[in-house]
Amino acid sequence: PPVGEMSKRRINYYKRLGFKLNEFFYEQPPLRESEGPQRLMIMSYPDPVNEEQFLKYKKDIFKNVYKIDNI
């Protein structure tokens, strides 16, 4: 989420490239056992997507990156 100066700058950089900041949050699973999940926002190109449209990509991410089949 755009909470700090660096994250706001990063979002604006991608907006200048034509990406859209979507209005829903995505919870990234913890990458280490000592950490909790990370709350993120999704940017898409060239058009915004809604949470339902993103679900297909989320399933692929969880299966192929995190090795989690049941989301």
Foldseek 3Di string as FASTA:
>chain_A
DPDDPVVVVVVVVVVVVQKDWEDDWDWAQDPDPVDGTDIHTDIDPNDYDHPVVCVVVVQVCCCPPVVDNDD
